[in-house]
Protein backbone atom coordinates (compact mmCIF):
# COMPACT_ATOMS: atom_id res chain seq x y z
CA MET A 1 0.00 0.00 0.00
CA LYS A 2 2.89 2.35 0.76
CA HIS A 3 4.19 1.84 -2.77
CA LEU A 4 0.76 2.62 -4.23
CA ARG A 5 0.45 5.84 -2.21
CA GLN A 6 3.91 6.92 -3.33
CA GLU A 7 3.08 6.17 -6.98
CA LYS A 8 -0.17 8.13 -6.73
CA ALA A 9 1.52 11.09 -5.05
CA TRP A 10 4.22 11.15 -7.73
CA LEU A 11 1.70 11.09 -10.56
CA LEU A 12 -0.38 13.88 -9.04
CA ALA A 13 2.72 15.97 -8.39
CA LEU A 14 3.83 15.49 -12.00
CA SER A 15 0.37 16.44 -13.24
CA PHE A 16 0.39 19.62 -11.13
CA ALA A 17 3.86 20.58 -12.32
CA LEU A 18 3.13 20.08 -16.00
CA SER A 19 -0.22 21.86 -15.83
CA ASN A 20 1.26 24.84 -14.01
CA LEU A 21 4.01 25.20 -16.58
CA CYS A 22 1.56 25.69 -19.41
CA MET A 23 -1.31 27.51 -17.70
CA ALA A 24 -1.79 31.14 -16.87
CA GLU A 25 -3.18 32.08 -13.46
CA ASP A 26 -6.18 33.71 -15.09
CA ASP A 27 -7.62 30.69 -16.91
CA PHE A 28 -10.80 31.30 -14.89
CA THR A 29 -11.96 34.31 -12.89
CA LEU A 30 -14.40 34.09 -10.00
CA VAL A 31 -17.05 36.70 -10.82
CA GLY A 32 -19.96 35.71 -8.57
CA LEU A 33 -20.26 34.07 -5.16
CA LEU A 34 -23.18 33.18 -2.88
CA LYS A 35 -22.97 31.64 0.59
CA ASP A 36 -25.93 30.45 2.66
CA ASP A 37 -25.57 27.84 5.41
CA GLU A 38 -29.24 26.89 5.25
CA ALA A 39 -30.28 27.14 1.60
CA LEU A 40 -26.91 25.81 0.43
CA ASN A 41 -26.53 23.13 3.05
CA TYR A 42 -23.71 20.91 1.86
CA PRO A 43 -24.55 21.71 -1.80
CA HIS A 44 -24.24 18.76 -4.15
CA ASP A 45 -25.27 19.16 -7.80
CA VAL A 46 -26.31 22.11 -9.94
CA GLU A 47 -28.46 22.50 -13.05
CA LEU A 48 -29.58 25.56 -15.01
CA GLN A 49 -32.85 26.49 -16.67
CA GLY A 50 -33.07 29.96 -18.13
CA ASP A 51 -31.74 32.44 -15.58
CA ILE A 52 -32.29 30.07 -12.66
CA ALA A 53 -29.80 27.72 -11.01
CA TYR A 54 -31.14 24.82 -8.95
CA VAL A 55 -28.85 23.46 -6.23
CA PRO A 56 -29.80 20.51 -3.99
CA GLY A 57 -27.93 20.02 -0.72
CA LYS A 58 -27.10 16.81 1.12
CA GLY A 59 -28.00 18.60 4.34
CA GLY A 60 -31.64 18.56 3.22
CA SER A 61 -31.93 21.70 1.14
CA LEU A 62 -32.87 23.03 -2.28
CA ALA A 63 -31.68 26.48 -3.34
CA ILE A 64 -33.27 28.41 -6.21
CA ILE A 65 -30.87 31.09 -7.43
CA ASP A 66 -31.27 33.94 -9.91
CA VAL A 67 -28.14 34.02 -12.10
CA SER A 68 -29.30 36.62 -14.62
CA ASP A 69 -26.45 38.80 -13.33
CA VAL A 70 -23.51 36.44 -13.08
CA THR A 71 -21.67 38.88 -10.83
CA LYS A 72 -24.48 38.92 -8.29
CA PRO A 73 -26.18 35.52 -7.91
CA LYS A 74 -29.29 36.05 -5.79
CA LEU A 75 -31.11 33.51 -3.65
CA LEU A 76 -34.79 33.60 -4.61
CA SER A 77 -36.04 30.88 -2.28
CA SER A 78 -35.20 27.55 -0.71
CA LEU A 79 -36.62 24.41 0.82
CA PHE A 80 -34.84 23.31 3.96
CA GLY A 81 -35.48 20.75 6.68
CA MET A 82 -38.71 19.52 5.10
CA GLU A 83 -39.86 15.91 5.02
CA GLY A 84 -38.60 14.28 1.84
CA MET A 85 -35.65 16.64 1.38
CA GLU A 86 -33.16 14.47 3.25
CA ASP A 87 -29.94 13.84 1.36
CA ALA A 88 -30.92 15.92 -1.69
CA GLU A 89 -28.28 15.24 -4.33
CA THR A 90 -29.47 15.71 -7.91
CA VAL A 91 -31.96 17.80 -9.92
CA LEU A 92 -33.50 17.81 -13.39
CA PRO A 93 -35.45 20.91 -14.53
CA MET A 94 -38.51 20.25 -16.72
CA GLY A 95 -40.20 23.60 -17.28
CA ASP A 96 -42.46 24.49 -14.35
CA ILE A 97 -41.47 21.27 -12.58
CA LEU A 98 -38.14 20.42 -11.02
CA LEU A 99 -37.38 16.75 -10.42
CA VAL A 100 -35.27 16.24 -7.31
CA GLY A 101 -33.43 13.10 -6.24
CA THR A 102 -33.28 12.62 -2.48
CA ARG A 103 -34.05 9.50 -0.46
CA GLY A 104 -37.11 9.58 -2.69
CA PHE A 105 -38.11 11.00 -6.08
CA LEU A 106 -39.70 14.45 -5.86
CA ALA A 107 -41.60 16.70 -8.24
CA VAL A 108 -41.34 20.34 -7.17
CA ASP A 109 -43.48 23.09 -8.68
CA VAL A 110 -41.12 25.99 -9.47
CA SER A 111 -43.50 27.98 -11.69
CA ASP A 112 -43.09 30.72 -9.09
CA PRO A 113 -39.37 30.51 -8.20
CA SER A 114 -40.01 32.45 -5.00
CA LYS A 115 -42.49 29.82 -3.76
CA PRO A 116 -41.36 26.27 -4.63
CA LYS A 117 -43.78 23.55 -3.59
CA ILE A 118 -43.41 19.75 -3.49
CA VAL A 119 -46.33 18.35 -5.49
CA LYS A 120 -45.41 14.67 -5.55
CA ARG A 121 -43.06 12.39 -3.64
CA ILE A 122 -42.35 8.77 -4.55
CA THR A 123 -40.68 6.48 -2.02
CA ASP A 124 -40.04 2.75 -2.18
CA ARG A 125 -37.01 2.00 -0.03
CA PRO A 126 -34.57 0.50 -0.56
CA ARG A 127 -35.35 0.36 -4.30
CA ILE A 128 -35.88 4.12 -4.55
CA ASP A 129 -33.35 5.64 -2.20
CA LYS A 130 -30.23 7.80 -2.22
CA ILE A 131 -30.72 9.02 -5.79
CA ASN A 132 -27.36 10.39 -6.93
CA GLY A 133 -27.88 10.83 -10.68
CA MET A 134 -30.67 11.17 -13.25
CA ALA A 135 -30.84 10.86 -17.02
CA LEU A 136 -33.71 11.84 -19.32
CA ARG A 137 -34.59 9.76 -22.39
CA GLY A 138 -37.77 10.86 -24.14
CA LYS A 139 -40.58 10.69 -21.60
CA HIS A 140 -38.66 8.60 -19.11
CA VAL A 141 -36.15 9.41 -16.40
CA PHE A 142 -33.61 6.88 -15.19
CA THR A 143 -32.21 7.25 -11.68
CA ALA A 144 -28.95 5.92 -10.23
CA ASN A 145 -29.80 4.83 -6.69
CA LYS A 146 -26.83 4.25 -4.42
CA SER A 147 -28.85 1.55 -2.65
CA GLY A 148 -28.18 -0.74 -5.64
CA TYR A 149 -30.90 0.01 -8.17
CA VAL A 150 -31.82 1.94 -11.32
CA GLY A 151 -35.30 3.43 -11.25
CA VAL A 152 -37.46 4.09 -14.33
CA PHE A 153 -40.03 6.88 -14.11
CA ASP A 154 -42.66 8.00 -16.62
CA VAL A 155 -42.45 11.81 -16.66
CA SER A 156 -44.84 12.48 -19.56
CA ASN A 157 -46.60 14.61 -16.93
CA PRO A 158 -43.67 15.92 -14.88
CA ALA A 159 -45.97 17.14 -12.10
CA ALA A 160 -47.24 13.59 -11.61
CA PRO A 161 -44.34 11.20 -12.32
CA ILE A 162 -45.05 7.48 -12.20
CA LEU A 163 -42.64 4.81 -11.03
CA LYS A 164 -42.71 2.19 -13.80
CA GLU A 165 -40.01 -0.30 -12.89
CA VAL A 166 -36.79 -0.82 -10.96
CA LEU A 167 -33.67 -2.71 -12.03
CA ASP A 168 -31.72 -4.54 -9.32
CA THR A 169 -28.18 -3.74 -10.46
CA LYS A 170 -26.62 -5.94 -7.79
CA ASN A 171 -28.15 -9.03 -9.32
CA PHE A 172 -28.00 -7.85 -12.93
CA GLY A 173 -24.54 -6.47 -13.52
CA GLY A 174 -22.99 -6.66 -10.06
CA LEU A 175 -23.20 -2.92 -9.37
CA ASP A 176 -23.55 -2.44 -5.62
CA THR A 177 -23.57 1.36 -5.54
CA PRO A 178 -24.66 3.03 -8.81
CA HIS A 179 -23.56 6.66 -8.54
CA ASP A 180 -24.37 8.22 -11.90
CA ILE A 181 -26.12 7.50 -15.16
CA ALA A 182 -26.34 8.87 -18.69
CA ALA A 183 -28.51 8.01 -21.68
CA PHE A 184 -27.36 7.74 -25.30
CA GLY A 185 -29.30 6.24 -28.19
CA ASP A 186 -30.96 3.00 -27.13
CA HIS A 187 -28.63 2.68 -24.16
CA ILE A 188 -27.79 3.90 -20.69
CA ILE A 189 -24.36 3.88 -19.11
CA VAL A 190 -24.18 3.35 -15.35
CA VAL A 191 -21.09 3.86 -13.18
CA ASN A 192 -20.50 2.09 -9.88
CA ALA A 193 -18.67 3.67 -6.93
CA ASP A 194 -17.44 0.41 -5.41
CA HIS A 195 -13.84 1.19 -4.48
CA TYR A 196 -12.38 -2.01 -5.84
CA GLY A 197 -14.82 -3.19 -8.47
CA PRO A 198 -14.46 -5.47 -10.17
CA THR A 199 -17.04 -3.98 -12.58
CA ASN A 200 -17.50 -0.22 -12.45
CA VAL A 201 -18.98 0.73 -15.84
CA ILE A 202 -21.86 -1.03 -17.61
CA VAL A 203 -23.80 -0.23 -20.79
CA TYR A 204 -27.37 -1.54 -20.79
CA ARG A 205 -29.48 -1.65 -23.94
CA VAL A 206 -32.87 -0.40 -22.72
CA ALA A 207 -34.76 0.13 -25.97
CA ASP A 208 -35.79 -1.95 -28.96
CA PRO A 209 -33.12 -1.51 -31.68
CA GLU A 210 -35.75 -1.13 -34.42
CA SER A 211 -38.60 0.82 -32.83
CA HIS A 212 -36.38 2.52 -30.21
CA GLU A 213 -39.22 2.13 -27.74
CA LEU A 214 -38.29 1.58 -24.09
CA LEU A 215 -38.27 -2.09 -23.13
CA PRO A 216 -39.45 -3.64 -19.85
CA VAL A 217 -36.57 -4.01 -17.40
CA LYS A 218 -36.66 -7.81 -17.72
CA GLN A 219 -35.76 -7.39 -21.42
CA TRP A 220 -32.79 -5.10 -20.84
CA VAL A 221 -29.47 -6.45 -22.05
CA ILE A 222 -25.98 -5.89 -20.71
CA GLU A 223 -24.22 -4.88 -23.92
CA SER A 224 -20.73 -4.50 -22.43
CA SER A 225 -18.83 -3.47 -19.33
CA ILE A 226 -15.43 -2.44 -18.09
CA THR A 227 -13.80 -4.65 -15.49
CA ASP A 228 -10.80 -3.50 -13.51
CA THR A 229 -7.53 -5.31 -14.05
CA LYS A 230 -4.39 -5.73 -11.96
CA LYS A 231 -2.87 -2.83 -13.89
CA LEU A 232 -3.69 0.07 -11.61
CA SER A 233 -3.20 2.55 -14.44
CA GLU A 234 -6.29 1.06 -16.10
CA ASN A 235 -8.61 0.87 -13.10
CA LEU A 236 -11.77 2.91 -12.68
CA GLY A 237 -12.42 2.01 -9.06
CA GLY A 238 -14.80 4.39 -7.30
CA ALA A 239 -16.48 5.52 -10.53
CA ASN A 240 -18.94 8.18 -9.42
CA ARG A 241 -19.54 10.46 -12.42
CA VAL A 242 -20.22 10.02 -16.12
CA ALA A 243 -20.73 12.55 -18.90
CA VAL A 244 -21.34 11.72 -22.56
CA THR A 245 -20.38 13.79 -25.59
CA GLY A 246 -20.64 12.34 -29.08
CA SER A 247 -19.61 8.68 -28.94
CA TYR A 248 -17.37 9.14 -25.92
CA ALA A 249 -17.85 9.34 -22.18
CA GLY A 250 -15.79 10.75 -19.35
CA VAL A 251 -15.84 8.74 -16.12
CA GLY A 252 -14.58 10.09 -12.81
CA ALA A 253 -12.93 7.46 -10.59
CA PHE A 254 -11.93 8.56 -7.10
CA VAL A 255 -9.84 5.58 -5.96
CA ARG A 256 -7.05 6.54 -8.33
CA ASP A 257 -8.25 10.15 -8.85
CA TRP A 258 -8.56 9.58 -12.58
CA VAL A 259 -10.79 10.74 -15.36
CA GLY A 260 -11.22 7.82 -17.73
CA ILE A 261 -12.20 8.33 -21.37
CA ILE A 262 -14.50 5.62 -22.73
CA ASP A 263 -15.15 4.88 -26.40
CA LEU A 264 -18.89 4.19 -26.80
CA SER A 265 -18.94 3.95 -30.59
CA ASN A 266 -19.64 0.23 -30.35
CA PRO A 267 -21.95 -0.22 -27.33
CA LYS A 268 -21.38 -3.97 -27.49
CA LYS A 269 -17.67 -3.48 -26.94
CA ILE A 270 -16.95 -0.29 -25.05
CA LYS A 271 -13.33 0.32 -24.14
CA ARG A 272 -11.29 2.60 -21.93
CA ILE A 273 -8.88 4.47 -24.18
CA ALA A 274 -7.23 6.86 -21.69
CA ASN A 275 -6.90 7.81 -18.03
CA LEU A 276 -5.80 11.26 -16.88
CA PRO A 277 -5.05 12.30 -13.27
CA VAL A 278 -7.36 15.09 -12.16
CA ALA A 279 -6.07 18.45 -10.99
CA ASP A 280 -6.61 17.72 -7.31
CA ILE A 281 -8.59 14.71 -6.05
CA ASP A 282 -11.80 12.99 -7.13
CA ALA A 283 -13.97 13.97 -10.07
CA THR A 284 -17.20 14.52 -8.21
CA GLY A 285 -18.55 16.94 -10.80
CA MET A 286 -18.37 16.52 -14.55
CA THR A 287 -19.99 17.94 -17.64
CA ALA A 288 -19.07 17.50 -21.30
CA VAL A 289 -19.48 20.37 -23.75
CA GLY A 290 -18.24 20.01 -27.31
CA GLN A 291 -14.65 18.83 -27.11
CA VAL A 292 -14.15 19.83 -23.47
CA LEU A 293 -14.69 17.87 -20.30
CA PHE A 294 -15.17 20.16 -17.29
CA VAL A 295 -14.31 18.53 -13.97
CA ALA A 296 -14.75 19.61 -10.34
CA GLY A 297 -13.00 17.85 -7.47
CA GLY A 298 -10.99 18.62 -4.36
CA GLU A 299 -10.37 22.35 -4.42
CA ALA A 300 -10.13 22.65 -8.20
CA VAL A 301 -12.07 23.13 -11.40
CA GLU A 302 -10.41 22.18 -14.66
CA ALA A 303 -11.07 21.98 -18.38
CA ILE A 304 -9.79 18.91 -20.21
CA ASP A 305 -9.25 18.96 -23.97
CA ILE A 306 -10.71 15.73 -25.39
CA SER A 307 -10.50 16.67 -29.08
CA ASP A 308 -8.23 13.61 -29.31
CA PRO A 309 -10.04 11.31 -26.86
CA ALA A 310 -7.07 8.95 -26.58
CA MET A 311 -4.83 11.85 -25.52
CA PRO A 312 -6.80 14.05 -23.07
CA VAL A 313 -4.96 17.15 -21.84
CA SER A 314 -5.78 19.44 -18.91
CA ILE A 315 -5.61 22.93 -20.40
CA ALA A 316 -7.11 25.28 -17.79
CA GLN A 317 -7.58 25.23 -14.02
CA TYR A 318 -8.96 27.19 -11.09
CA ARG A 319 -7.59 26.30 -7.66
CA ALA A 320 -8.86 27.11 -4.16
CA GLY A 321 -9.30 30.91 -3.89
CA LYS A 322 -12.48 32.43 -2.46
CA LEU A 323 -14.61 29.73 -4.03
CA PHE A 324 -12.88 26.89 -2.18
CA PRO A 325 -11.34 28.37 0.97
CA THR A 326 -11.75 25.24 3.10
CA ARG A 327 -9.84 22.03 2.57
CA ARG A 328 -11.78 20.07 5.14
CA LEU A 329 -11.39 16.42 6.05
CA MET A 330 -14.50 14.57 4.97
CA GLN A 331 -16.06 12.19 7.47
CA ARG A 332 -15.43 8.80 5.98
CA LYS A 333 -13.40 5.69 6.81
CA THR A 334 -10.80 6.56 4.22
CA PRO A 335 -9.75 10.19 4.86
CA ARG A 336 -10.40 12.51 1.91
CA PHE A 337 -10.24 16.24 1.43
CA ASP A 338 -12.91 17.60 -0.85
CA ASN A 339 -14.94 20.71 -1.60
CA ALA A 340 -15.73 21.33 -5.29
CA HIS A 341 -18.60 19.02 -6.12
CA ASP A 342 -20.51 19.74 -9.33
CA LEU A 343 -20.55 22.18 -12.22
CA VAL A 344 -22.32 23.16 -15.42
CA TYR A 345 -21.12 25.34 -18.31
CA ARG A 346 -23.04 27.94 -20.29
CA ASP A 347 -22.04 30.84 -22.53
CA GLY A 348 -18.51 31.26 -21.23
CA TYR A 349 -19.30 30.72 -17.54
CA ILE A 350 -19.04 27.76 -15.17
CA PHE A 351 -21.51 27.42 -12.30
CA VAL A 352 -20.00 25.46 -9.40
CA THR A 353 -20.94 24.13 -5.96
CA ALA A 354 -18.50 24.29 -3.03
CA GLN A 355 -19.80 21.59 -0.75
CA ASN A 356 -17.77 22.14 2.41
CA ASP A 357 -18.19 25.91 2.42
CA ASN A 358 -21.93 26.00 1.63
CA GLN A 359 -21.20 28.16 -1.39
CA PHE A 360 -22.20 28.56 -5.03
CA GLY A 361 -19.81 30.29 -7.40
CA ILE A 362 -19.65 31.47 -10.99
CA LEU A 363 -16.37 31.35 -12.92
CA LYS A 364 -15.74 33.28 -16.12
CA VAL A 365 -13.76 31.30 -18.69
CA ASN A 366 -10.86 33.38 -20.01
CA ASP A 367 -8.87 30.70 -21.80
CA ALA A 368 -9.32 31.08 -25.58
CA ARG A 369 -8.62 27.38 -26.19
CA VAL A 370 -11.47 26.33 -23.95
CA LEU A 371 -13.89 28.80 -25.55
CA GLU A 372 -12.94 27.51 -29.00
CA LEU A 373 -13.22 23.81 -28.15
CA VAL A 374 -16.67 24.02 -26.51
CA GLU A 375 -18.04 25.13 -29.89
CA LYS A 376 -16.70 22.07 -31.71
CA LYS A 377 -18.57 18.78 -31.86
CA MET A 378 -16.88 15.49 -31.05
CA LYS A 379 -16.02 13.52 -34.17
């Protein structure tokens, strides 16, 4: 174990040194910051809709933030300490309704952003519990439930979602703790946060290949998967984030603090084509835009050039500063230091959660390479 820690420390140190040689200090500028210990209670994910940012918090909160002026994000309202809000981790805006993943599946009426109201709550523990990721495909939402399941919800009427089915990923795929999920074509990709695998990435075919209609869970097929090997440089242990762009996916793996690039062009034979150490630790937040993979983890935000997916390169970074002032030890068996948790990109700005500091920040992208690459589609 000592050898592994030394190897990891050396690789991270090398990554830091190389990145700092080629990066200016002004890759990103913090232009807006909001702190609220109640509304932003251990903020987890973030999503945008129009001029509104929605931020769920693991401390049992939901913040609704006006970002029309990126220099002055303004809290419009929040839900805090209410029944059903425990462990709020992920959100999906659908017009006047916001879907929220907590220890249940919530539909929140946000037609008046100053007065959010829970209009439906679905619970079915342990099958619907600890929802950490959601993916929309047509009129259905798939949820990654850390309790060991994938939920399927009919959201044709978002205000009245219906639980259709649940897949037991422990018994069908061996995924004990699904952490995130993404949909592409007739498939979903699910990542598993088990520290030492062996299987941490699975592609399920969920729709009929001819009609493209969603199939019953019992007809889903495991198209392919990625199994860890003894070569540590290839492992994706602790996979907790996935983002798809074109026929590729980025996967964050916190055991080795990698971002893995996955080729999805042949869903029946997906393959890991590259691993890149992240700027700090973890890859708890990830979004793919054009030929850029934006990653949040530790006390850093970075942009990774994936124009050549087999040769990803970190090209811009933001470290610590006012957005991430606290490098706090997280309460877990294996000590970790973390803060940056999730992010989204829009129109030259990155919207980020700082989990340990109960903050939400907005970074302006200054790097010309990043701004150019986000406009280019993956080949």
